[in-house]
Amino acid sequence: MKSIIPIPLSQYDGKIEYQPEDEVWVRGADSPANVARKYIVSLQERGRVVVATFGARAVNQAVNAVAIARQMWRDSEMGEELNMVPYFSTVIDANGNDRTRMMLMVYPIRDDDVTRLLHREETQ
């Protein structure tokens, strides 16, 4: 089932009038450092971040923000790494059109899990 987003969405600018509580929307004009701070808040409150983007520039800013948030998270939460899983989601905009967006699920994992995964790849 598709979600209905009640406003036309813009890739680059414009005021966001509605945003689902559990999503962080990233636009192409957003500062990765500011977005990274939003990620950290969501990680602390919910244990994960659900990121929604439309367009290549927004995806780039969102991924840059993950890299910044990763460093911020490692500096503050010893023993944890951030993992990112990309996926697609289709929503209906205010005009009734289907829109496909790139989503990123970002969540912490323990460093020993990362070490085990890396070691397994090296031995294969």
C-alpha atoms as a PDB file:
ATOM      1  CA  MET A   1       0.000   0.000   0.000  1.00  0.00           C
ATOM      2  CA  LYS A   2       1.271   3.469  -0.888  1.00  0.00           C
ATOM      3  CA  SER A   3       1.491   6.324   1.566  1.00  0.00           C
ATOM      4  CA  ILE A   4      -0.241   9.588   0.773  1.00  0.00           C
ATOM      5  CA  ILE A   5       1.940  12.643   1.278  1.00  0.00           C
ATOM      6  CA  PRO A   6      -0.396  15.667   1.463  1.00  0.00           C
ATOM      7  CA  ILE A   7       1.906  18.261  -0.169  1.00  0.00           C
ATOM      8  CA  PRO A   8       3.804  18.503  -3.443  1.00  0.00           C
ATOM      9  CA  LEU A   9       7.368  17.498  -2.647  1.00  0.00           C
ATOM     10  CA  SER A  10      10.363  19.400  -3.956  1.00  0.00           C
ATOM     11  CA  GLN A  11      13.816  17.946  -4.459  1.00  0.00           C
ATOM     12  CA  TYR A  12      15.662  21.148  -3.678  1.00  0.00           C
ATOM     13  CA  ASP A  13      13.769  23.752  -1.702  1.00  0.00           C
ATOM     14  CA  GLY A  14      10.474  24.882  -0.306  1.00  0.00           C
ATOM     15  CA  LYS A  15       8.917  24.703   3.129  1.00  0.00           C
ATOM     16  CA  ILE A  16       8.098  21.255   4.459  1.00  0.00           C
ATOM     17  CA  GLU A  17       4.587  21.561   5.868  1.00  0.00           C
ATOM     18  CA  TYR A  18       4.116  17.909   6.805  1.00  0.00           C
ATOM     19  CA  GLN A  19       6.622  15.226   7.628  1.00  0.00           C
ATOM     20  CA  PRO A  20       5.906  11.824   9.169  1.00  0.00           C
ATOM     21  CA  GLU A  21       7.247  11.789  12.713  1.00  0.00           C
ATOM     22  CA  ASP A  22       9.493   8.775  12.135  1.00  0.00           C
ATOM     23  CA  GLU A  23      11.162  10.079   8.935  1.00  0.00           C
ATOM     24  CA  VAL A  24      13.930  12.585   8.305  1.00  0.00           C
ATOM     25  CA  TRP A  25      13.432  14.210   4.921  1.00  0.00           C
ATOM     26  CA  VAL A  26      16.562  15.345   3.111  1.00  0.00           C
ATOM     27  CA  ARG A  27      16.561  17.750   0.170  1.00  0.00           C
ATOM     28  CA  GLY A  28      19.346  18.672  -2.207  1.00  0.00           C
ATOM     29  CA  ALA A  29      19.785  22.107  -0.646  1.00  0.00           C
ATOM     30  CA  ASP A  30      20.136  20.744   2.907  1.00  0.00           C
ATOM     31  CA  SER A  31      23.456  20.971   4.733  1.00  0.00           C
ATOM     32  CA  PRO A  32      24.857  17.471   5.450  1.00  0.00           C
ATOM     33  CA  ALA A  33      26.136  18.664   8.852  1.00  0.00           C
ATOM     34  CA  ASN A  34      22.668  19.875   9.879  1.00  0.00           C
ATOM     35  CA  VAL A  35      21.066  16.680   8.594  1.00  0.00           C
ATOM     36  CA  ALA A  36      23.643  14.588  10.505  1.00  0.00           C
ATOM     37  CA  ARG A  37      22.549  16.285  13.741  1.00  0.00           C
ATOM     38  CA  LYS A  38      18.933  15.288  12.966  1.00  0.00           C
ATOM     39  CA  TYR A  39      20.120  11.709  12.448  1.00  0.00           C
ATOM     40  CA  ILE A  40      21.822  11.693  15.853  1.00  0.00           C
ATOM     41  CA  VAL A  41      18.636  12.933  17.558  1.00  0.00           C
ATOM     42  CA  SER A  42      16.594  10.203  15.861  1.00  0.00           C
ATOM     43  CA  LEU A  43      19.174   7.553  16.782  1.00  0.00           C
ATOM     44  CA  GLN A  44      19.038   8.642  20.412  1.00  0.00           C
ATOM     45  CA  GLU A  45      15.220   8.811  20.521  1.00  0.00           C
ATOM     46  CA  ARG A  46      14.256   5.827  18.341  1.00  0.00           C
ATOM     47  CA  GLY A  47      17.397   3.735  17.931  1.00  0.00           C
ATOM     48  CA  ARG A  48      17.248   4.163  14.152  1.00  0.00           C
ATOM     49  CA  VAL A  49      16.821   6.774  11.423  1.00  0.00           C
ATOM     50  CA  VAL A  50      14.467   6.492   8.461  1.00  0.00           C
ATOM     51  CA  VAL A  51      15.645   8.896   5.758  1.00  0.00           C
ATOM     52  CA  ALA A  52      13.495   9.913   2.770  1.00  0.00           C
ATOM     53  CA  THR A  53      14.921  11.564  -0.356  1.00  0.00           C
ATOM     54  CA  PHE A  54      13.748  12.554  -3.832  1.00  0.00           C
ATOM     55  CA  GLY A  55      16.374  13.049  -6.536  1.00  0.00           C
ATOM     56  CA  ALA A  56      20.072  12.394  -6.921  1.00  0.00           C
ATOM     57  CA  ARG A  57      21.245  15.568  -5.200  1.00  0.00           C
ATOM     58  CA  ALA A  58      19.150  14.794  -2.116  1.00  0.00           C
ATOM     59  CA  VAL A  59      20.482  11.212  -2.006  1.00  0.00           C
ATOM     60  CA  ASN A  60      24.025  12.594  -2.153  1.00  0.00           C
ATOM     61  CA  GLN A  61      23.365  14.980   0.743  1.00  0.00           C
ATOM     62  CA  ALA A  62      21.719  12.188   2.776  1.00  0.00           C
ATOM     63  CA  VAL A  63      24.664   9.812   2.300  1.00  0.00           C
ATOM     64  CA  ASN A  64      27.153  12.579   3.132  1.00  0.00           C
ATOM     65  CA  ALA A  65      25.156  13.189   6.307  1.00  0.00           C
ATOM     66  CA  VAL A  66      25.427   9.476   7.189  1.00  0.00           C
ATOM     67  CA  ALA A  67      29.229   9.737   6.969  1.00  0.00           C
ATOM     68  CA  ILE A  68      29.218  12.784   9.259  1.00  0.00           C
ATOM     69  CA  ALA A  69      26.740  11.194  11.688  1.00  0.00           C
ATOM     70  CA  ARG A  70      28.858   8.033  11.764  1.00  0.00           C
ATOM     71  CA  GLN A  71      31.827   9.976  13.062  1.00  0.00           C
ATOM     72  CA  MET A  72      29.670  11.900  15.550  1.00  0.00           C
ATOM     73  CA  TRP A  73      28.083   8.646  16.770  1.00  0.00           C
ATOM     74  CA  ARG A  74      31.410   6.848  17.161  1.00  0.00           C
ATOM     75  CA  ASP A  75      32.789   9.814  19.116  1.00  0.00           C
ATOM     76  CA  SER A  76      29.840   9.789  21.541  1.00  0.00           C
ATOM     77  CA  GLU A  77      28.683   6.149  21.709  1.00  0.00           C
ATOM     78  CA  MET A  78      31.783   4.007  22.119  1.00  0.00           C
ATOM     79  CA  GLY A  79      31.585   0.500  20.728  1.00  0.00           C
ATOM     80  CA  GLU A  80      28.979   1.143  18.037  1.00  0.00           C
ATOM     81  CA  GLU A  81      29.117   1.598  14.272  1.00  0.00           C
ATOM     82  CA  LEU A  82      26.334   2.811  11.986  1.00  0.00           C
ATOM     83  CA  ASN A  83      24.896   0.586   9.288  1.00  0.00           C
ATOM     84  CA  MET A  84      22.876   1.889   6.323  1.00  0.00           C
ATOM     85  CA  VAL A  85      20.335  -0.057   4.244  1.00  0.00           C
ATOM     86  CA  PRO A  86      18.941   1.636   1.097  1.00  0.00           C
ATOM     87  CA  TYR A  87      15.512   0.818  -0.340  1.00  0.00           C
ATOM     88  CA  PHE A  88      12.756   2.369  -2.478  1.00  0.00           C
ATOM     89  CA  SER A  89       9.306   3.552  -1.443  1.00  0.00           C
ATOM     90  CA  THR A  90       6.454   4.802  -3.634  1.00  0.00           C
ATOM     91  CA  VAL A  91       4.148   7.517  -2.338  1.00  0.00           C
ATOM     92  CA  ILE A  92       1.266   9.487  -3.814  1.00  0.00           C
ATOM     93  CA  ASP A  93       1.811  13.246  -3.884  1.00  0.00           C
ATOM     94  CA  ALA A  94      -0.886  15.897  -3.374  1.00  0.00           C
ATOM     95  CA  ASN A  95      -1.605  15.864  -7.124  1.00  0.00           C
ATOM     96  CA  GLY A  96      -2.317  12.120  -7.126  1.00  0.00           C
ATOM     97  CA  ASN A  97       0.927  11.183  -8.884  1.00  0.00           C
ATOM     98  CA  ASP A  98       3.114   8.234  -7.871  1.00  0.00           C
ATOM     99  CA  ARG A  99       6.543   9.334  -6.678  1.00  0.00           C
ATOM    100  CA  THR A 100       9.414   6.949  -6.011  1.00  0.00           C
ATOM    101  CA  ARG A 101      11.796   7.969  -3.306  1.00  0.00           C
ATOM    102  CA  MET A 102      15.092   6.551  -2.105  1.00  0.00           C
ATOM    103  CA  MET A 103      14.939   5.610   1.557  1.00  0.00           C
ATOM    104  CA  LEU A 104      17.828   4.902   3.911  1.00  0.00           C
ATOM    105  CA  MET A 105      17.486   2.987   7.152  1.00  0.00           C
ATOM    106  CA  VAL A 106      20.388   3.866   9.459  1.00  0.00           C
ATOM    107  CA  TYR A 107      20.917   2.020  12.736  1.00  0.00           C
ATOM    108  CA  PRO A 108      23.749   1.256  15.167  1.00  0.00           C
ATOM    109  CA  ILE A 109      25.537  -2.084  15.350  1.00  0.00           C
ATOM    110  CA  ARG A 110      28.266  -3.177  17.744  1.00  0.00           C
ATOM    111  CA  ASP A 111      31.878  -2.921  16.583  1.00  0.00           C
ATOM    112  CA  ASP A 112      32.426  -6.633  17.201  1.00  0.00           C
ATOM    113  CA  ASP A 113      29.640  -7.385  14.684  1.00  0.00           C
ATOM    114  CA  VAL A 114      31.441  -5.199  12.125  1.00  0.00           C
ATOM    115  CA  THR A 115      34.769  -6.906  12.847  1.00  0.00           C
ATOM    116  CA  ARG A 116      33.170 -10.329  12.420  1.00  0.00           C
ATOM    117  CA  LEU A 117      31.588  -9.286   9.094  1.00  0.00           C
ATOM    118  CA  LEU A 118      34.849  -7.859   7.775  1.00  0.00           C
ATOM    119  CA  HIS A 119      36.813 -10.926   8.846  1.00  0.00           C
ATOM    120  CA  ARG A 120      34.296 -13.200   7.124  1.00  0.00           C
ATOM    121  CA  GLU A 121      34.677 -11.236   3.856  1.00  0.00           C
ATOM    122  CA  GLU A 122      38.483 -11.440   4.055  1.00  0.00           C
ATOM    123  CA  THR A 123      38.452 -15.228   4.441  1.00  0.00           C
ATOM    124  CA  GLN A 124      36.105 -15.871   1.522  1.00  0.00           C
END
